PDB file of N, CA and C in Angstrom:
ATOM      1  N   UNK A   1       0.847  -1.185   0.000  1.00  0.00           N
ATOM      2  CA  UNK A   1       0.000   0.000   0.000  1.00  0.00           C
ATOM      3  C   UNK A   1       0.888   1.242   0.000  1.00  0.00           C
ATOM      4  N   UNK A   2       0.602   2.166  -0.883  1.00  0.00           N
ATOM      5  CA  UNK A   2       1.327   3.423  -0.963  1.00  0.00           C
ATOM      6  C   UNK A   2       0.523   4.517  -0.256  1.00  0.00           C
ATOM      7  N   UNK A   3       0.883   5.761  -0.515  1.00  0.00           N
ATOM      8  CA  UNK A   3       0.201   6.885   0.131  1.00  0.00           C
ATOM      9  C   UNK A   3      -1.278   6.982  -0.247  1.00  0.00           C
ATOM     10  N   UNK A   4      -2.077   7.475   0.671  1.00  0.00           N
ATOM     11  CA  UNK A   4      -3.484   7.811   0.468  1.00  0.00           C
ATOM     12  C   UNK A   4      -4.313   6.641  -0.049  1.00  0.00           C
ATOM     13  N   UNK A   5      -3.971   5.448   0.379  1.00  0.00           N
ATOM     14  CA  UNK A   5      -4.761   4.274   0.043  1.00  0.00           C
ATOM     15  C   UNK A   5      -4.493   3.690  -1.336  1.00  0.00           C
ATOM     16  N   UNK A   6      -3.531   4.256  -2.068  1.00  0.00           N
ATOM     17  CA  UNK A   6      -3.213   3.721  -3.382  1.00  0.00           C
ATOM     18  C   UNK A   6      -2.408   2.431  -3.257  1.00  0.00           C
ATOM     19  N   UNK A   7      -2.770   1.461  -4.039  1.00  0.00           N
ATOM     20  CA  UNK A   7      -1.937   0.272  -4.169  1.00  0.00           C
ATOM     21  C   UNK A   7      -0.893   0.566  -5.241  1.00  0.00           C
ATOM     22  N   UNK A   8       0.129  -0.257  -5.331  1.00  0.00           N
ATOM     23  CA  UNK A   8       1.123  -0.068  -6.393  1.00  0.00           C
ATOM     24  C   UNK A   8       0.449  -0.140  -7.759  1.00  0.00           C
ATOM     25  N   UNK A   9      -0.516  -1.043  -7.894  1.00  0.00           N
ATOM     26  CA  UNK A   9      -1.225  -1.182  -9.172  1.00  0.00           C
ATOM     27  C   UNK A   9      -2.025   0.075  -9.506  1.00  0.00           C
ATOM     28  N   UNK A  10      -2.745   0.643  -8.530  1.00  0.00           N
ATOM     29  CA  UNK A  10      -3.532   1.849  -8.810  1.00  0.00           C
ATOM     30  C   UNK A  10      -2.622   3.043  -9.078  1.00  0.00           C
ATOM     31  N   UNK A  11      -1.449   3.091  -8.404  1.00  0.00           N
ATOM     32  CA  UNK A  11      -0.479   4.155  -8.670  1.00  0.00           C
ATOM     33  C   UNK A  11       0.038   4.026 -10.101  1.00  0.00           C
ATOM     34  N   UNK A  12       0.396   2.797 -10.490  1.00  0.00           N
ATOM     35  CA  UNK A  12       0.880   2.553 -11.859  1.00  0.00           C
ATOM     36  C   UNK A  12      -0.183   2.918 -12.888  1.00  0.00           C
ATOM     37  N   UNK A  13      -1.448   2.582 -12.617  1.00  0.00           N
ATOM     38  CA  UNK A  13      -2.546   2.930 -13.521  1.00  0.00           C
ATOM     39  C   UNK A  13      -2.650   4.440 -13.691  1.00  0.00           C
ATOM     40  N   UNK A  14      -2.532   5.168 -12.591  1.00  0.00           N
ATOM     41  CA  UNK A  14      -2.593   6.627 -12.630  1.00  0.00           C
ATOM     42  C   UNK A  14      -1.411   7.188 -13.424  1.00  0.00           C
ATOM     43  N   UNK A  15      -0.229   6.633 -13.194  1.00  0.00           N
ATOM     44  CA  UNK A  15       0.980   7.055 -13.904  1.00  0.00           C
ATOM     45  C   UNK A  15       0.805   6.857 -15.413  1.00  0.00           C
ATOM     46  N   UNK A  16       0.271   5.699 -15.799  1.00  0.00           N
ATOM     47  CA  UNK A  16       0.043   5.400 -17.217  1.00  0.00           C
ATOM     48  C   UNK A  16      -1.026   6.325 -17.792  1.00  0.00           C
ATOM     49  N   UNK A  17      -2.110   6.540 -17.055  1.00  0.00           N
ATOM     50  CA  UNK A  17      -3.191   7.423 -17.505  1.00  0.00           C
ATOM     51  C   UNK A  17      -2.666   8.826 -17.783  1.00  0.00           C
ATOM     52  N   UNK A  18      -1.712   9.277 -16.982  1.00  0.00           N
ATOM     53  CA  UNK A  18      -1.129  10.613 -17.151  1.00  0.00           C
ATOM     54  C   UNK A  18       0.077  10.590 -18.105  1.00  0.00           C
ATOM     55  N   UNK A  19       0.323   9.451 -18.742  1.00  0.00           N
ATOM     56  CA  UNK A  19       1.452   9.301 -19.666  1.00  0.00           C
ATOM     57  C   UNK A  19       2.789   9.638 -19.014  1.00  0.00           C
ATOM     58  N   UNK A  20       2.882   9.422 -17.699  1.00  0.00           N
ATOM     59  CA  UNK A  20       4.123   9.680 -16.982  1.00  0.00           C
ATOM     60  C   UNK A  20       4.432  11.153 -16.792  1.00  0.00           C
ATOM     61  N   UNK A  21       3.410  11.996 -16.950  1.00  0.00           N
ATOM     62  CA  UNK A  21       3.594  13.444 -16.875  1.00  0.00           C
ATOM     63  C   UNK A  21       2.862  14.046 -15.684  1.00  0.00           C
ATOM     64  N   UNK A  22       3.403  15.146 -15.168  1.00  0.00           N
ATOM     65  CA  UNK A  22       2.733  15.891 -14.104  1.00  0.00           C
ATOM     66  C   UNK A  22       1.369  16.353 -14.610  1.00  0.00           C
ATOM     67  N   UNK A  23       0.339  16.191 -13.795  1.00  0.00           N
ATOM     68  CA  UNK A  23      -1.021  16.559 -14.178  1.00  0.00           C
ATOM     69  C   UNK A  23      -1.203  18.068 -14.350  1.00  0.00           C
ATOM     70  N   UNK A  24      -0.276  18.876 -13.817  1.00  0.00           N
ATOM     71  CA  UNK A  24      -0.404  20.329 -13.936  1.00  0.00           C
ATOM     72  C   UNK A  24       0.492  20.881 -15.045  1.00  0.00           C
ATOM     73  N   UNK A  25       1.797  20.689 -14.937  1.00  0.00           N
ATOM     74  CA  UNK A  25       2.725  21.335 -15.868  1.00  0.00           C
ATOM     75  C   UNK A  25       3.129  20.457 -17.044  1.00  0.00           C
ATOM     76  N   UNK A  26       2.910  19.162 -16.942  1.00  0.00           N
ATOM     77  CA  UNK A  26       3.245  18.262 -18.033  1.00  0.00           C
ATOM     78  C   UNK A  26       4.689  17.808 -18.067  1.00  0.00           C
ATOM     79  N   UNK A  27       5.483  18.168 -17.049  1.00  0.00           N
ATOM     80  CA  UNK A  27       6.865  17.683 -16.987  1.00  0.00           C
ATOM     81  C   UNK A  27       6.878  16.180 -16.732  1.00  0.00           C
ATOM     82  N   UNK A  28       7.934  15.531 -17.209  1.00  0.00           N
ATOM     83  CA  UNK A  28       8.111  14.090 -17.040  1.00  0.00           C
ATOM     84  C   UNK A  28       8.314  13.747 -15.570  1.00  0.00           C
ATOM     85  N   UNK A  29       7.570  12.781 -15.081  1.00  0.00           N
ATOM     86  CA  UNK A  29       7.740  12.276 -13.720  1.00  0.00           C
ATOM     87  C   UNK A  29       8.656  11.064 -13.782  1.00  0.00           C
ATOM     88  N   UNK A  30       9.714  11.103 -13.027  1.00  0.00           N
ATOM     89  CA  UNK A  30      10.671   9.998 -13.054  1.00  0.00           C
ATOM     90  C   UNK A  30      10.300   8.963 -11.994  1.00  0.00           C
ATOM     91  N   UNK A  31       9.151   8.355 -12.223  1.00  0.00           N
ATOM     92  CA  UNK A  31       8.632   7.303 -11.369  1.00  0.00           C
ATOM     93  C   UNK A  31       8.390   7.780  -9.943  1.00  0.00           C
ATOM     94  N   UNK A  32       8.391   6.885  -9.005  1.00  0.00           N
ATOM     95  CA  UNK A  32       7.960   7.164  -7.641  1.00  0.00           C
ATOM     96  C   UNK A  32       8.802   8.234  -6.957  1.00  0.00           C
ATOM     97  N   UNK A  33      10.077   8.344  -7.316  1.00  0.00           N
ATOM     98  CA  UNK A  33      10.953   9.288  -6.622  1.00  0.00           C
ATOM     99  C   UNK A  33      10.556  10.738  -6.841  1.00  0.00           C
ATOM    100  N   UNK A  34      10.020  11.086  -8.005  1.00  0.00           N
ATOM    101  CA  UNK A  34       9.688  12.483  -8.275  1.00  0.00           C
ATOM    102  C   UNK A  34       8.196  12.741  -8.414  1.00  0.00           C
ATOM    103  N   UNK A  35       7.389  11.707  -8.324  1.00  0.00           N
ATOM    104  CA  UNK A  35       5.940  11.880  -8.434  1.00  0.00           C
ATOM    105  C   UNK A  35       5.330  12.017  -7.046  1.00  0.00           C
ATOM    106  N   UNK A  36       4.556  13.056  -6.862  1.00  0.00           N
ATOM    107  CA  UNK A  36       3.872  13.290  -5.598  1.00  0.00           C
ATOM    108  C   UNK A  36       2.383  13.027  -5.787  1.00  0.00           C
ATOM    109  N   UNK A  37       1.802  12.289  -4.875  1.00  0.00           N
ATOM    110  CA  UNK A  37       0.368  11.995  -4.942  1.00  0.00           C
ATOM    111  C   UNK A  37      -0.381  13.213  -4.425  1.00  0.00           C
ATOM    112  N   UNK A  38      -1.133  13.852  -5.323  1.00  0.00           N
ATOM    113  CA  UNK A  38      -1.948  15.002  -4.931  1.00  0.00           C
ATOM    114  C   UNK A  38      -3.314  14.508  -4.483  1.00  0.00           C
ATOM    115  N   UNK A  39      -3.801  15.090  -3.394  1.00  0.00           N
ATOM    116  CA  UNK A  39      -5.094  14.650  -2.862  1.00  0.00           C
ATOM    117  C   UNK A  39      -5.829  15.837  -2.270  1.00  0.00           C
ATOM    118  N   UNK A  40      -7.138  15.693  -2.182  1.00  0.00           N
ATOM    119  CA  UNK A  40      -7.989  16.687  -1.536  1.00  0.00           C
ATOM    120  C   UNK A  40      -7.803  16.538  -0.030  1.00  0.00           C
ATOM    121  N   UNK A  41      -7.375  17.598   0.621  1.00  0.00           N
ATOM    122  CA  UNK A  41      -7.103  17.520   2.058  1.00  0.00           C
ATOM    123  C   UNK A  41      -8.368  17.372   2.903  1.00  0.00           C
ATOM    124  N   UNK A  42      -9.517  17.715   2.349  1.00  0.00           N
ATOM    125  CA  UNK A  42     -10.775  17.548   3.083  1.00  0.00           C
ATOM    126  C   UNK A  42     -11.327  16.133   2.972  1.00  0.00           C
ATOM    127  N   UNK A  43     -11.264  15.573   1.764  1.00  0.00           N
ATOM    128  CA  UNK A  43     -11.872  14.255   1.553  1.00  0.00           C
ATOM    129  C   UNK A  43     -10.858  13.122   1.523  1.00  0.00           C
ATOM    130  N   UNK A  44      -9.578  13.463   1.278  1.00  0.00           N
ATOM    131  CA  UNK A  44      -8.549  12.450   1.143  1.00  0.00           C
ATOM    132  C   UNK A  44      -8.509  11.813  -0.236  1.00  0.00           C
ATOM    133  N   UNK A  45      -9.432  12.211  -1.128  1.00  0.00           N
ATOM    134  CA  UNK A  45      -9.510  11.629  -2.463  1.00  0.00           C
ATOM    135  C   UNK A  45      -8.297  12.050  -3.299  1.00  0.00           C
ATOM    136  N   UNK A  46      -7.691  11.061  -3.958  1.00  0.00           N
ATOM    137  CA  UNK A  46      -6.537  11.306  -4.817  1.00  0.00           C
ATOM    138  C   UNK A  46      -7.001  11.997  -6.097  1.00  0.00           C
ATOM    139  N   UNK A  47      -6.280  13.094  -6.461  1.00  0.00           N
ATOM    140  CA  UNK A  47      -6.605  13.832  -7.685  1.00  0.00           C
ATOM    141  C   UNK A  47      -5.681  13.453  -8.831  1.00  0.00           C
ATOM    142  N   UNK A  48      -4.413  13.155  -8.516  1.00  0.00           N
ATOM    143  CA  UNK A  48      -3.465  12.827  -9.573  1.00  0.00           C
ATOM    144  C   UNK A  48      -2.045  12.839  -9.056  1.00  0.00           C
ATOM    145  N   UNK A  49      -1.109  12.713  -9.996  1.00  0.00           N
ATOM    146  CA  UNK A  49       0.316  12.743  -9.679  1.00  0.00           C
ATOM    147  C   UNK A  49       0.901  14.060 -10.166  1.00  0.00           C
ATOM    148  N   UNK A  50       1.699  14.689  -9.309  1.00  0.00           N
ATOM    149  CA  UNK A  50       2.303  15.970  -9.634  1.00  0.00           C
ATOM    150  C   UNK A  50       3.803  15.922  -9.419  1.00  0.00           C
ATOM    151  N   UNK A  51       4.516  16.830 -10.107  1.00  0.00           N
ATOM    152  CA  UNK A  51       5.934  17.003  -9.819  1.00  0.00           C
ATOM    153  C   UNK A  51       6.046  17.769  -8.494  1.00  0.00           C
ATOM    154  N   UNK A  52       7.229  17.796  -7.944  1.00  0.00           N
ATOM    155  CA  UNK A  52       7.443  18.441  -6.642  1.00  0.00           C
ATOM    156  C   UNK A  52       7.074  19.920  -6.682  1.00  0.00           C
ATOM    157  N   UNK A  53       7.453  20.609  -7.754  1.00  0.00           N
ATOM    158  CA  UNK A  53       7.183  22.045  -7.839  1.00  0.00           C
ATOM    159  C   UNK A  53       5.688  22.344  -7.861  1.00  0.00           C
ATOM    160  N   UNK A  54       4.936  21.613  -8.656  1.00  0.00           N
ATOM    161  CA  UNK A  54       3.491  21.845  -8.730  1.00  0.00           C
ATOM    162  C   UNK A  54       2.807  21.456  -7.428  1.00  0.00           C
ATOM    163  N   UNK A  55       3.232  20.352  -6.837  1.00  0.00           N
ATOM    164  CA  UNK A  55       2.658  19.927  -5.569  1.00  0.00           C
ATOM    165  C   UNK A  55       2.917  20.969  -4.480  1.00  0.00           C
ATOM    166  N   UNK A  56       4.139  21.483  -4.443  1.00  0.00           N
ATOM    167  CA  UNK A  56       4.491  22.510  -3.463  1.00  0.00           C
ATOM    168  C   UNK A  56       3.714  23.790  -3.723  1.00  0.00           C
ATOM    169  N   UNK A  57       3.607  24.169  -4.992  1.00  0.00           N
ATOM    170  CA  UNK A  57       2.878  25.390  -5.347  1.00  0.00           C
ATOM    171  C   UNK A  57       1.427  25.341  -4.912  1.00  0.00           C
ATOM    172  N   UNK A  58       0.762  24.221  -5.190  1.00  0.00           N
ATOM    173  CA  UNK A  58      -0.635  24.089  -4.772  1.00  0.00           C
ATOM    174  C   UNK A  58      -0.750  24.118  -3.250  1.00  0.00           C
ATOM    175  N   UNK A  59       0.199  23.483  -2.586  1.00  0.00           N
ATOM    176  CA  UNK A  59       0.194  23.485  -1.126  1.00  0.00           C
ATOM    177  C   UNK A  59       0.399  24.881  -0.558  1.00  0.00           C
ATOM    178  N   UNK A  60       1.326  25.642  -1.157  1.00  0.00           N
ATOM    179  CA  UNK A  60       1.585  27.006  -0.697  1.00  0.00           C
ATOM    180  C   UNK A  60       0.368  27.897  -0.913  1.00  0.00           C
ATOM    181  N   UNK A  61      -0.426  27.593  -1.933  1.00  0.00           N
ATOM    182  CA  UNK A  61      -1.665  28.338  -2.173  1.00  0.00           C
ATOM    183  C   UNK A  61      -2.848  27.689  -1.457  1.00  0.00           C
ATOM    184  N   UNK A  62      -2.550  26.823  -0.515  1.00  0.00           N
ATOM    185  CA  UNK A  62      -3.536  26.174   0.360  1.00  0.00           C
ATOM    186  C   UNK A  62      -4.626  25.425  -0.394  1.00  0.00           C
ATOM    187  N   UNK A  63      -4.237  24.851  -1.557  1.00  0.00           N
ATOM    188  CA  UNK A  63      -5.188  24.103  -2.401  1.00  0.00           C
ATOM    189  C   UNK A  63      -6.443  24.913  -2.705  1.00  0.00           C
ATOM    190  N   UNK A  64      -6.287  26.226  -2.785  1.00  0.00           N
ATOM    191  CA  UNK A  64      -7.418  27.121  -3.013  1.00  0.00           C
ATOM    192  C   UNK A  64      -7.474  27.543  -4.479  1.00  0.00           C
ATOM    193  N   UNK A  65      -8.538  27.156  -5.175  1.00  0.00           N
ATOM    194  CA  UNK A  65      -8.699  27.583  -6.561  1.00  0.00           C
ATOM    195  C   UNK A  65      -8.864  29.099  -6.635  1.00  0.00           C
ATOM    196  N   UNK A  66      -9.445  29.691  -5.601  1.00  0.00           N
ATOM    197  CA  UNK A  66      -9.601  31.146  -5.563  1.00  0.00           C
ATOM    198  C   UNK A  66      -8.234  31.839  -5.514  1.00  0.00           C
ATOM    199  N   UNK A  67      -7.337  31.350  -4.643  1.00  0.00           N
ATOM    200  CA  UNK A  67      -6.000  31.940  -4.567  1.00  0.00           C
ATOM    201  C   UNK A  67      -5.209  31.679  -5.846  1.00  0.00           C
ATOM    202  N   UNK A  68      -5.388  30.509  -6.436  1.00  0.00           N
ATOM    203  CA  UNK A  68      -4.703  30.187  -7.677  1.00  0.00           C
ATOM    204  C   UNK A  68      -5.150  31.134  -8.793  1.00  0.00           C
ATOM    205  N   UNK A  69      -6.446  31.413  -8.872  1.00  0.00           N
ATOM    206  CA  UNK A  69      -6.963  32.351  -9.867  1.00  0.00           C
ATOM    207  C   UNK A  69      -6.430  33.761  -9.614  1.00  0.00           C
ATOM    208  N   UNK A  70      -6.387  34.176  -8.344  1.00  0.00           N
ATOM    209  CA  UNK A  70      -5.837  35.491  -8.015  1.00  0.00           C
ATOM    210  C   UNK A  70      -4.367  35.573  -8.415  1.00  0.00           C
ATOM    211  N   UNK A  71      -3.613  34.510  -8.170  1.00  0.00           N
ATOM    212  CA  UNK A  71      -2.193  34.476  -8.535  1.00  0.00           C
ATOM    213  C   UNK A  71      -2.056  34.550 -10.061  1.00  0.00           C
ATOM    214  N   UNK A  72      -2.895  33.829 -10.789  1.00  0.00           N
ATOM    215  CA  UNK A  72      -2.870  33.865 -12.248  1.00  0.00           C
ATOM    216  C   UNK A  72      -3.176  35.268 -12.750  1.00  0.00           C
ATOM    217  N   UNK A  73      -4.205  35.883 -12.195  1.00  0.00           N
ATOM    218  CA  UNK A  73      -4.564  37.252 -12.591  1.00  0.00           C
ATOM    219  C   UNK A  73      -3.429  38.218 -12.292  1.00  0.00           C
ATOM    220  N   UNK A  74      -2.781  38.048 -11.166  1.00  0.00           N
ATOM    221  CA  UNK A  74      -1.631  38.881 -10.782  1.00  0.00           C
ATOM    222  C   UNK A  74      -0.520  38.762 -11.835  1.00  0.00           C
ATOM    223  N   UNK A  75      -0.200  37.512 -12.222  1.00  0.00           N
ATOM    224  CA  UNK A  75       0.850  37.295 -13.207  1.00  0.00           C
ATOM    225  C   UNK A  75       0.501  37.892 -14.565  1.00  0.00           C
ATOM    226  N   UNK A  76      -0.783  37.911 -14.895  1.00  0.00           N
ATOM    227  CA  UNK A  76      -1.252  38.458 -16.172  1.00  0.00           C
ATOM    228  C   UNK A  76      -1.434  39.975 -16.098  1.00  0.00           C
ATOM    229  N   UNK A  77      -1.235  40.567 -14.930  1.00  0.00           N
ATOM    230  CA  UNK A  77      -1.395  42.017 -14.777  1.00  0.00           C
ATOM    231  C   UNK A  77      -2.831  42.451 -14.587  1.00  0.00           C
ATOM    232  N   UNK A  78      -3.692  41.473 -14.293  1.00  0.00           N
ATOM    233  CA  UNK A  78      -5.098  41.781 -14.048  1.00  0.00           C
ATOM    234  C   UNK A  78      -5.278  41.926 -12.546  1.00  0.00           C
ATOM    235  N   UNK A  79      -5.489  43.125 -12.097  1.00  0.00           N
ATOM    236  CA  UNK A  79      -5.583  43.326 -10.652  1.00  0.00           C
ATOM    237  C   UNK A  79      -6.979  43.524 -10.242  1.00  0.00           C
TER     238      UNK A  79
END
């Protein structure tokens, strides 16, 4: 059993479904060492596999789609 209730088989299925790429940025995930299991902190439900940078970024924005949108607008110069 791996993190968040995933079996090795379900992790491999997710990895294959994502073509070995981070679900956010599309960078190549080098198997278990660089793939982070992203999950909903309220429900525990697994959302996908992310690279360390994307996983950290979402965590720093407190998994808030509202904050992510504000950050995107900020980067685009939309205040």
